Amino acid sequence: MSLFKKRTAGKPGEWFYCLEHKKVEEGPDCPGKDRFGPYASRQEAQHAMETAAERNLQWENDPRWHDASARGDTDSG
């Protein structure tokens, strides 16, 4: 007998975006490796890929993540 049950059904009100099926699902129907979320609403989950793209762009343009050591520059003077 297992002490911990694997959660097979999601909670109502939790929304996810499945990367494999490219669809919004209420509760986690697909494995965690294949989804973004949870989101508070269906609309937020529908825009998951756009949100991820915006965040990636912000990260790529953030100077705190692209300092000299990250580029391989060793000359600090």
PDB file of N, CA and C in Angstrom:
ATOM      1  N   MET A   1       0.834  -1.181   0.000  1.00  0.00           N
ATOM      2  CA  MET A   1       0.000   0.000   0.000  1.00  0.00           C
ATOM      3  C   MET A   1       0.878   1.244   0.000  1.00  0.00           C
ATOM      4  N   SER A   2       0.581   2.178  -0.853  1.00  0.00           N
ATOM      5  CA  SER A   2       1.344   3.394  -0.986  1.00  0.00           C
ATOM      6  C   SER A   2       0.915   4.416   0.072  1.00  0.00           C
ATOM      7  N   LEU A   3       1.904   5.081   0.652  1.00  0.00           N
ATOM      8  CA  LEU A   3       1.604   6.119   1.640  1.00  0.00           C
ATOM      9  C   LEU A   3       1.134   7.415   0.983  1.00  0.00           C
ATOM     10  N   PHE A   4       1.669   7.686  -0.200  1.00  0.00           N
ATOM     11  CA  PHE A   4       1.338   8.929  -0.886  1.00  0.00           C
ATOM     12  C   PHE A   4       0.697   8.597  -2.215  1.00  0.00           C
ATOM     13  N   LYS A   5      -0.455   9.178  -2.441  1.00  0.00           N
ATOM     14  CA  LYS A   5      -1.136   8.974  -3.712  1.00  0.00           C
ATOM     15  C   LYS A   5      -0.705  10.054  -4.689  1.00  0.00           C
ATOM     16  N   LYS A   6      -0.468   9.653  -5.910  1.00  0.00           N
ATOM     17  CA  LYS A   6      -0.167  10.610  -6.952  1.00  0.00           C
ATOM     18  C   LYS A   6      -1.456  11.327  -7.327  1.00  0.00           C
ATOM     19  N   ARG A   7      -1.405  12.634  -7.343  1.00  0.00           N
ATOM     20  CA  ARG A   7      -2.598  13.409  -7.675  1.00  0.00           C
ATOM     21  C   ARG A   7      -2.884  13.268  -9.164  1.00  0.00           C
ATOM     22  N   THR A   8      -4.015  12.720  -9.472  1.00  0.00           N
ATOM     23  CA  THR A   8      -4.373  12.509 -10.871  1.00  0.00           C
ATOM     24  C   THR A   8      -5.340  13.560 -11.381  1.00  0.00           C
ATOM     25  N   ALA A   9      -6.054  14.210 -10.493  1.00  0.00           N
ATOM     26  CA  ALA A   9      -7.009  15.238 -10.907  1.00  0.00           C
ATOM     27  C   ALA A   9      -6.595  16.574 -10.321  1.00  0.00           C
ATOM     28  N   GLY A  10      -6.808  17.616 -11.088  1.00  0.00           N
ATOM     29  CA  GLY A  10      -6.465  18.942 -10.617  1.00  0.00           C
ATOM     30  C   GLY A  10      -7.551  19.530  -9.755  1.00  0.00           C
ATOM     31  N   LYS A  11      -7.220  20.640  -9.166  1.00  0.00           N
ATOM     32  CA  LYS A  11      -8.199  21.371  -8.366  1.00  0.00           C
ATOM     33  C   LYS A  11      -9.032  22.259  -9.283  1.00  0.00           C
ATOM     34  N   PRO A  12     -10.304  22.368  -9.029  1.00  0.00           N
ATOM     35  CA  PRO A  12     -11.114  23.312  -9.812  1.00  0.00           C
ATOM     36  C   PRO A  12     -10.557  24.722  -9.648  1.00  0.00           C
ATOM     37  N   GLY A  13     -10.485  25.440 -10.727  1.00  0.00           N
ATOM     38  CA  GLY A  13      -9.966  26.803 -10.683  1.00  0.00           C
ATOM     39  C   GLY A  13      -8.487  26.895 -10.984  1.00  0.00           C
ATOM     40  N   GLU A  14      -7.783  25.776 -11.084  1.00  0.00           N
ATOM     41  CA  GLU A  14      -6.380  25.784 -11.502  1.00  0.00           C
ATOM     42  C   GLU A  14      -6.342  25.538 -13.004  1.00  0.00           C
ATOM     43  N   TRP A  15      -5.713  26.440 -13.720  1.00  0.00           N
ATOM     44  CA  TRP A  15      -5.650  26.337 -15.176  1.00  0.00           C
ATOM     45  C   TRP A  15      -4.209  26.153 -15.609  1.00  0.00           C
ATOM     46  N   PHE A  16      -4.013  25.325 -16.610  1.00  0.00           N
ATOM     47  CA  PHE A  16      -2.692  25.004 -17.133  1.00  0.00           C
ATOM     48  C   PHE A  16      -2.707  25.101 -18.651  1.00  0.00           C
ATOM     49  N   TYR A  17      -1.519  25.295 -19.235  1.00  0.00           N
ATOM     50  CA  TYR A  17      -1.378  25.244 -20.676  1.00  0.00           C
ATOM     51  C   TYR A  17      -0.502  24.051 -20.995  1.00  0.00           C
ATOM     52  N   CYS A  18      -1.035  23.096 -21.761  1.00  0.00           N
ATOM     53  CA  CYS A  18      -0.295  21.900 -22.129  1.00  0.00           C
ATOM     54  C   CYS A  18       0.553  22.198 -23.358  1.00  0.00           C
ATOM     55  N   LEU A  19       1.868  22.035 -23.210  1.00  0.00           N
ATOM     56  CA  LEU A  19       2.795  22.308 -24.306  1.00  0.00           C
ATOM     57  C   LEU A  19       2.734  21.231 -25.383  1.00  0.00           C
ATOM     58  N   GLU A  20       2.410  20.025 -25.006  1.00  0.00           N
ATOM     59  CA  GLU A  20       2.351  18.931 -25.974  1.00  0.00           C
ATOM     60  C   GLU A  20       1.098  19.011 -26.844  1.00  0.00           C
ATOM     61  N   HIS A  21      -0.045  19.236 -26.204  1.00  0.00           N
ATOM     62  CA  HIS A  21      -1.314  19.267 -26.932  1.00  0.00           C
ATOM     63  C   HIS A  21      -1.716  20.671 -27.371  1.00  0.00           C
ATOM     64  N   LYS A  22      -0.963  21.676 -26.887  1.00  0.00           N
ATOM     65  CA  LYS A  22      -1.228  23.081 -27.205  1.00  0.00           C
ATOM     66  C   LYS A  22      -2.677  23.459 -26.908  1.00  0.00           C
ATOM     67  N   LYS A  23      -3.075  23.147 -25.662  1.00  0.00           N
ATOM     68  CA  LYS A  23      -4.436  23.469 -25.247  1.00  0.00           C
ATOM     69  C   LYS A  23      -4.459  23.820 -23.767  1.00  0.00           C
ATOM     70  N   VAL A  24      -5.516  24.515 -23.381  1.00  0.00           N
ATOM     71  CA  VAL A  24      -5.735  24.897 -21.986  1.00  0.00           C
ATOM     72  C   VAL A  24      -6.499  23.768 -21.310  1.00  0.00           C
ATOM     73  N   GLU A  25      -6.100  23.458 -20.076  1.00  0.00           N
ATOM     74  CA  GLU A  25      -6.798  22.420 -19.321  1.00  0.00           C
ATOM     75  C   GLU A  25      -7.044  22.892 -17.900  1.00  0.00           C
ATOM     76  N   GLU A  26      -8.177  22.530 -17.357  1.00  0.00           N
ATOM     77  CA  GLU A  26      -8.470  22.842 -15.963  1.00  0.00           C
ATOM     78  C   GLU A  26      -7.976  21.675 -15.127  1.00  0.00           C
ATOM     79  N   GLY A  27      -7.087  21.987 -14.218  1.00  0.00           N
ATOM     80  CA  GLY A  27      -6.440  20.919 -13.466  1.00  0.00           C
ATOM     81  C   GLY A  27      -5.360  20.286 -14.321  1.00  0.00           C
ATOM     82  N   PRO A  28      -4.352  19.710 -13.705  1.00  0.00           N
ATOM     83  CA  PRO A  28      -3.254  19.149 -14.498  1.00  0.00           C
ATOM     84  C   PRO A  28      -3.607  17.784 -15.081  1.00  0.00           C
ATOM     85  N   ASP A  29      -3.999  17.776 -16.344  1.00  0.00           N
ATOM     86  CA  ASP A  29      -4.274  16.513 -17.017  1.00  0.00           C
ATOM     87  C   ASP A  29      -2.988  15.871 -17.529  1.00  0.00           C
ATOM     88  N   CYS A  30      -2.033  16.677 -17.933  1.00  0.00           N
ATOM     89  CA  CYS A  30      -0.785  16.180 -18.505  1.00  0.00           C
ATOM     90  C   CYS A  30       0.350  16.297 -17.481  1.00  0.00           C
ATOM     91  N   PRO A  31       1.446  15.571 -17.687  1.00  0.00           N
ATOM     92  CA  PRO A  31       2.580  15.624 -16.753  1.00  0.00           C
ATOM     93  C   PRO A  31       3.168  17.033 -16.637  1.00  0.00           C
ATOM     94  N   GLY A  32       3.782  17.304 -15.505  1.00  0.00           N
ATOM     95  CA  GLY A  32       4.356  18.611 -15.237  1.00  0.00           C
ATOM     96  C   GLY A  32       5.380  19.057 -16.261  1.00  0.00           C
ATOM     97  N   LYS A  33       6.111  18.113 -16.842  1.00  0.00           N
ATOM     98  CA  LYS A  33       7.134  18.472 -17.824  1.00  0.00           C
ATOM     99  C   LYS A  33       6.528  19.023 -19.108  1.00  0.00           C
ATOM    100  N   ASP A  34       5.229  18.818 -19.302  1.00  0.00           N
ATOM    101  CA  ASP A  34       4.557  19.225 -20.530  1.00  0.00           C
ATOM    102  C   ASP A  34       3.601  20.391 -20.347  1.00  0.00           C
ATOM    103  N   ARG A  35       3.699  21.118 -19.227  1.00  0.00           N
ATOM    104  CA  ARG A  35       2.705  22.171 -19.020  1.00  0.00           C
ATOM    105  C   ARG A  35       3.284  23.398 -18.322  1.00  0.00           C
ATOM    106  N   PHE A  36       2.619  24.524 -18.533  1.00  0.00           N
ATOM    107  CA  PHE A  36       2.867  25.765 -17.817  1.00  0.00           C
ATOM    108  C   PHE A  36       1.695  25.968 -16.874  1.00  0.00           C
ATOM    109  N   GLY A  37       1.965  26.515 -15.699  1.00  0.00           N
ATOM    110  CA  GLY A  37       0.876  26.835 -14.785  1.00  0.00           C
ATOM    111  C   GLY A  37       1.211  26.422 -13.378  1.00  0.00           C
ATOM    112  N   PRO A  38       0.320  26.607 -12.467  1.00  0.00           N
ATOM    113  CA  PRO A  38      -1.087  26.951 -12.653  1.00  0.00           C
ATOM    114  C   PRO A  38      -1.295  28.447 -12.844  1.00  0.00           C
ATOM    115  N   TYR A  39      -2.375  28.753 -13.521  1.00  0.00           N
ATOM    116  CA  TYR A  39      -2.825  30.116 -13.730  1.00  0.00           C
ATOM    117  C   TYR A  39      -4.153  30.299 -13.010  1.00  0.00           C
ATOM    118  N   ALA A  40      -4.464  31.540 -12.675  1.00  0.00           N
ATOM    119  CA  ALA A  40      -5.685  31.834 -11.917  1.00  0.00           C
ATOM    120  C   ALA A  40      -6.940  31.785 -12.784  1.00  0.00           C
ATOM    121  N   SER A  41      -6.769  31.951 -14.102  1.00  0.00           N
ATOM    122  CA  SER A  41      -7.944  31.959 -14.973  1.00  0.00           C
ATOM    123  C   SER A  41      -7.626  31.264 -16.296  1.00  0.00           C
ATOM    124  N   ARG A  42      -8.682  30.902 -16.980  1.00  0.00           N
ATOM    125  CA  ARG A  42      -8.546  30.289 -18.299  1.00  0.00           C
ATOM    126  C   ARG A  42      -7.860  31.253 -19.275  1.00  0.00           C
ATOM    127  N   GLN A  43      -8.204  32.536 -19.178  1.00  0.00           N
ATOM    128  CA  GLN A  43      -7.631  33.543 -20.075  1.00  0.00           C
ATOM    129  C   GLN A  43      -6.119  33.657 -19.886  1.00  0.00           C
ATOM    130  N   GLU A  44      -5.652  33.626 -18.644  1.00  0.00           N
ATOM    131  CA  GLU A  44      -4.209  33.676 -18.389  1.00  0.00           C
ATOM    132  C   GLU A  44      -3.519  32.466 -19.009  1.00  0.00           C
ATOM    133  N   ALA A  45      -4.113  31.300 -18.859  1.00  0.00           N
ATOM    134  CA  ALA A  45      -3.531  30.076 -19.414  1.00  0.00           C
ATOM    135  C   ALA A  45      -3.520  30.126 -20.942  1.00  0.00           C
ATOM    136  N   GLN A  46      -4.544  30.732 -21.550  1.00  0.00           N
ATOM    137  CA  GLN A  46      -4.598  30.838 -23.005  1.00  0.00           C
ATOM    138  C   GLN A  46      -3.445  31.677 -23.545  1.00  0.00           C
ATOM    139  N   HIS A  47      -2.946  32.592 -22.730  1.00  0.00           N
ATOM    140  CA  HIS A  47      -1.870  33.480 -23.152  1.00  0.00           C
ATOM    141  C   HIS A  47      -0.512  33.045 -22.593  1.00  0.00           C
ATOM    142  N   ALA A  48      -0.399  31.805 -22.187  1.00  0.00           N
ATOM    143  CA  ALA A  48       0.833  31.313 -21.551  1.00  0.00           C
ATOM    144  C   ALA A  48       2.054  31.462 -22.452  1.00  0.00           C
ATOM    145  N   MET A  49       1.916  31.139 -23.724  1.00  0.00           N
ATOM    146  CA  MET A  49       3.062  31.222 -24.626  1.00  0.00           C
ATOM    147  C   MET A  49       3.477  32.670 -24.870  1.00  0.00           C
ATOM    148  N   GLU A  50       2.504  33.565 -24.959  1.00  0.00           N
ATOM    149  CA  GLU A  50       2.816  34.985 -25.129  1.00  0.00           C
ATOM    150  C   GLU A  50       3.505  35.532 -23.884  1.00  0.00           C
ATOM    151  N   THR A  51       3.011  35.142 -22.710  1.00  0.00           N
ATOM    152  CA  THR A  51       3.620  35.571 -21.453  1.00  0.00           C
ATOM    153  C   THR A  51       5.057  35.072 -21.362  1.00  0.00           C
ATOM    154  N   ALA A  52       5.281  33.816 -21.739  1.00  0.00           N
ATOM    155  CA  ALA A  52       6.632  33.249 -21.705  1.00  0.00           C
ATOM    156  C   ALA A  52       7.555  33.994 -22.673  1.00  0.00           C
ATOM    157  N   ALA A  53       7.065  34.311 -23.858  1.00  0.00           N
ATOM    158  CA  ALA A  53       7.877  35.037 -24.836  1.00  0.00           C
ATOM    159  C   ALA A  53       8.246  36.430 -24.319  1.00  0.00           C
ATOM    160  N   GLU A  54       7.282  37.117 -23.703  1.00  0.00           N
ATOM    161  CA  GLU A  54       7.555  38.443 -23.129  1.00  0.00           C
ATOM    162  C   GLU A  54       8.599  38.359 -22.027  1.00  0.00           C
ATOM    163  N   ARG A  55       8.476  37.359 -21.169  1.00  0.00           N
ATOM    164  CA  ARG A  55       9.434  37.205 -20.068  1.00  0.00           C
ATOM    165  C   ARG A  55      10.815  36.842 -20.594  1.00  0.00           C
ATOM    166  N   ASN A  56      10.880  36.021 -21.622  1.00  0.00           N
ATOM    167  CA  ASN A  56      12.171  35.683 -22.216  1.00  0.00           C
ATOM    168  C   ASN A  56      12.835  36.910 -22.801  1.00  0.00           C
ATOM    169  N   LEU A  57      12.057  37.752 -23.463  1.00  0.00           N
ATOM    170  CA  LEU A  57      12.595  38.976 -24.039  1.00  0.00           C
ATOM    171  C   LEU A  57      13.108  39.910 -22.946  1.00  0.00           C
ATOM    172  N   GLN A  58      12.355  40.044 -21.865  1.00  0.00           N
ATOM    173  CA  GLN A  58      12.806  40.860 -20.746  1.00  0.00           C
ATOM    174  C   GLN A  58      14.115  40.327 -20.181  1.00  0.00           C
ATOM    175  N   TRP A  59      14.215  39.022 -20.044  1.00  0.00           N
ATOM    176  CA  TRP A  59      15.432  38.411 -19.510  1.00  0.00           C
ATOM    177  C   TRP A  59      16.603  38.642 -20.454  1.00  0.00           C
ATOM    178  N   GLU A  60      16.392  38.472 -21.743  1.00  0.00           N
ATOM    179  CA  GLU A  60      17.471  38.646 -22.718  1.00  0.00           C
ATOM    180  C   GLU A  60      17.989  40.075 -22.739  1.00  0.00           C
ATOM    181  N   ASN A  61      17.149  41.033 -22.397  1.00  0.00           N
ATOM    182  CA  ASN A  61      17.546  42.438 -22.419  1.00  0.00           C
ATOM    183  C   ASN A  61      17.898  42.990 -21.043  1.00  0.00           C
ATOM    184  N   ASP A  62      17.940  42.145 -20.039  1.00  0.00           N
ATOM    185  CA  ASP A  62      18.252  42.582 -18.680  1.00  0.00           C
ATOM    186  C   ASP A  62      19.771  42.596 -18.491  1.00  0.00           C
ATOM    187  N   PRO A  63      20.357  43.774 -18.281  1.00  0.00           N
ATOM    188  CA  PRO A  63      21.817  43.850 -18.144  1.00  0.00           C
ATOM    189  C   PRO A  63      22.353  43.087 -16.931  1.00  0.00           C
ATOM    190  N   ARG A  64      21.526  42.846 -15.929  1.00  0.00           N
ATOM    191  CA  ARG A  64      21.994  42.094 -14.757  1.00  0.00           C
ATOM    192  C   ARG A  64      22.324  40.654 -15.114  1.00  0.00           C
ATOM    193  N   TRP A  65      21.730  40.118 -16.184  1.00  0.00           N
ATOM    194  CA  TRP A  65      21.978  38.736 -16.587  1.00  0.00           C
ATOM    195  C   TRP A  65      23.075  38.634 -17.633  1.00  0.00           C
ATOM    196  N   HIS A  66      23.514  39.759 -18.156  1.00  0.00           N
ATOM    197  CA  HIS A  66      24.499  39.735 -19.234  1.00  0.00           C
ATOM    198  C   HIS A  66      25.708  40.597 -18.865  1.00  0.00           C
ATOM    199  N   ASP A  67      26.334  40.243 -17.769  1.00  0.00           N
ATOM    200  CA  ASP A  67      27.518  40.986 -17.361  1.00  0.00           C
ATOM    201  C   ASP A  67      28.738  40.424 -18.083  1.00  0.00           C
ATOM    202  N   ALA A  68      29.896  41.013 -17.840  1.00  0.00           N
ATOM    203  CA  ALA A  68      31.114  40.619 -18.534  1.00  0.00           C
ATOM    204  C   ALA A  68      31.483  39.171 -18.322  1.00  0.00           C
ATOM    205  N   SER A  69      31.293  38.647 -17.110  1.00  0.00           N
ATOM    206  CA  SER A  69      31.667  37.254 -16.848  1.00  0.00           C
ATOM    207  C   SER A  69      30.772  36.283 -17.619  1.00  0.00           C
ATOM    208  N   ALA A  70      29.540  36.634 -17.862  1.00  0.00           N
ATOM    209  CA  ALA A  70      28.629  35.769 -18.607  1.00  0.00           C
ATOM    210  C   ALA A  70      29.014  35.706 -20.081  1.00  0.00           C
ATOM    211  N   ARG A  71      29.609  36.800 -20.606  1.00  0.00           N
ATOM    212  CA  ARG A  71      30.030  36.835 -22.001  1.00  0.00           C
ATOM    213  C   ARG A  71      31.402  36.201 -22.189  1.00  0.00           C
ATOM    214  N   GLY A  72      32.068  35.918 -21.095  1.00  0.00           N
ATOM    215  CA  GLY A  72      33.412  35.348 -21.200  1.00  0.00           C
ATOM    216  C   GLY A  72      34.512  36.387 -21.171  1.00  0.00           C
ATOM    217  N   ASP A  73      34.141  37.658 -21.014  1.00  0.00           N
ATOM    218  CA  ASP A  73      35.143  38.719 -20.917  1.00  0.00           C
ATOM    219  C   ASP A  73      35.845  38.619 -19.573  1.00  0.00           C
ATOM    220  N   THR A  74      37.142  38.560 -19.591  1.00  0.00           N
ATOM    221  CA  THR A  74      37.887  38.494 -18.343  1.00  0.00           C
ATOM    222  C   THR A  74      38.613  39.794 -18.056  1.00  0.00           C
ATOM    223  N   ASP A  75      38.700  40.663 -19.042  1.00  0.00           N
ATOM    224  CA  ASP A  75      39.378  41.945 -18.866  1.00  0.00           C
ATOM    225  C   ASP A  75      38.409  42.930 -18.241  1.00  0.00           C
ATOM    226  N   SER A  76      38.670  43.320 -16.996  1.00  0.00           N
ATOM    227  CA  SER A  76      37.759  44.241 -16.317  1.00  0.00           C
ATOM    228  C   SER A  76      38.243  45.677 -16.397  1.00  0.00           C
ATOM    229  N   GLY A  77      39.318  45.958 -17.097  1.00  0.00           N
ATOM    230  CA  GLY A  77      39.819  47.311 -17.121  1.00  0.00           C
ATOM    231  C   GLY A  77      39.966  47.801 -18.465  1.00  0.00           C
TER     232      GLY A  77
END
